[in-house]
Amino acid sequence: MNGKAGSEAHIDAVEKMTRRDIIDELERVIHSLQESPVRYLFWWRN
């Protein structure tokens, strides 16, 4: 397995980076919502 474009290793690495980016963005959104006044609308979930 080498890391050349299109290889299985390369595709696997790109998929992992994409998943990590999605997780990071979701964490930012969750943090933003927790810090916003909107959180008071959902007080029963805390």
C-alpha atoms as a PDB file:
ATOM      1  CA  MET A   1       0.000   0.000   0.000  1.00  0.00           C
ATOM      2  CA  ASN A   2       1.378   3.353  -0.985  1.00  0.00           C
ATOM      3  CA  GLY A   3      -0.149   6.790  -0.642  1.00  0.00           C
ATOM      4  CA  LYS A   4      -0.411   7.566  -4.338  1.00  0.00           C
ATOM      5  CA  ALA A   5      -3.570   9.335  -5.477  1.00  0.00           C
ATOM      6  CA  GLY A   6      -6.324   6.824  -6.097  1.00  0.00           C
ATOM      7  CA  SER A   7      -4.690   4.035  -4.122  1.00  0.00           C
ATOM      8  CA  GLU A   8      -6.600   2.289  -1.354  1.00  0.00           C
ATOM      9  CA  ALA A   9      -4.348   3.907   1.276  1.00  0.00           C
ATOM     10  CA  HIS A  10      -4.922   7.370  -0.186  1.00  0.00           C
ATOM     11  CA  ILE A  11      -8.693   6.918  -0.386  1.00  0.00           C
ATOM     12  CA  ASP A  12      -8.737   5.633   3.212  1.00  0.00           C
ATOM     13  CA  ALA A  13      -6.746   8.658   4.406  1.00  0.00           C
ATOM     14  CA  VAL A  14      -9.042  11.092   2.582  1.00  0.00           C
ATOM     15  CA  GLU A  15     -12.138   9.418   4.075  1.00  0.00           C
ATOM     16  CA  LYS A  16     -10.642   9.647   7.580  1.00  0.00           C
ATOM     17  CA  MET A  17      -9.828  13.333   7.112  1.00  0.00           C
ATOM     18  CA  THR A  18     -13.344  14.005   5.820  1.00  0.00           C
ATOM     19  CA  ARG A  19     -14.912  12.238   8.809  1.00  0.00           C
ATOM     20  CA  ARG A  20     -12.664  14.202  11.190  1.00  0.00           C
ATOM     21  CA  ASP A  21     -13.663  17.484   9.497  1.00  0.00           C
ATOM     22  CA  ILE A  22     -17.359  16.599   9.853  1.00  0.00           C
ATOM     23  CA  ILE A  23     -16.919  15.696  13.530  1.00  0.00           C
ATOM     24  CA  ASP A  24     -15.021  18.945  14.182  1.00  0.00           C
ATOM     25  CA  GLU A  25     -17.736  20.998  12.510  1.00  0.00           C
ATOM     26  CA  LEU A  26     -20.506  19.242  14.455  1.00  0.00           C
ATOM     27  CA  GLU A  27     -18.636  19.920  17.696  1.00  0.00           C
ATOM     28  CA  ARG A  28     -18.391  23.629  16.773  1.00  0.00           C
ATOM     29  CA  VAL A  29     -22.121  23.756  16.005  1.00  0.00           C
ATOM     30  CA  ILE A  30     -23.003  22.028  19.291  1.00  0.00           C
ATOM     31  CA  HIS A  31     -20.747  24.398  21.238  1.00  0.00           C
ATOM     32  CA  SER A  32     -22.280  27.405  19.470  1.00  0.00           C
ATOM     33  CA  LEU A  33     -25.785  26.257  20.293  1.00  0.00           C
ATOM     34  CA  GLN A  34     -24.862  25.586  23.911  1.00  0.00           C
ATOM     35  CA  GLU A  35     -23.505  29.122  24.219  1.00  0.00           C
ATOM     36  CA  SER A  36     -26.411  30.834  22.475  1.00  0.00           C
ATOM     37  CA  PRO A  37     -29.702  32.084  23.946  1.00  0.00           C
ATOM     38  CA  VAL A  38     -31.441  29.314  21.987  1.00  0.00           C
ATOM     39  CA  ARG A  39     -30.276  26.838  24.648  1.00  0.00           C
ATOM     40  CA  TYR A  40     -32.874  28.281  27.017  1.00  0.00           C
ATOM     41  CA  LEU A  41     -35.572  27.026  24.702  1.00  0.00           C
ATOM     42  CA  PHE A  42     -34.338  23.506  25.366  1.00  0.00           C
ATOM     43  CA  TRP A  43     -33.738  23.731  29.112  1.00  0.00           C
ATOM     44  CA  TRP A  44     -35.582  20.471  29.747  1.00  0.00           C
ATOM     45  CA  ARG A  45     -32.894  18.524  27.865  1.00  0.00           C
ATOM     46  CA  ASN A  46     -30.020  19.655  30.100  1.00  0.00           C
END
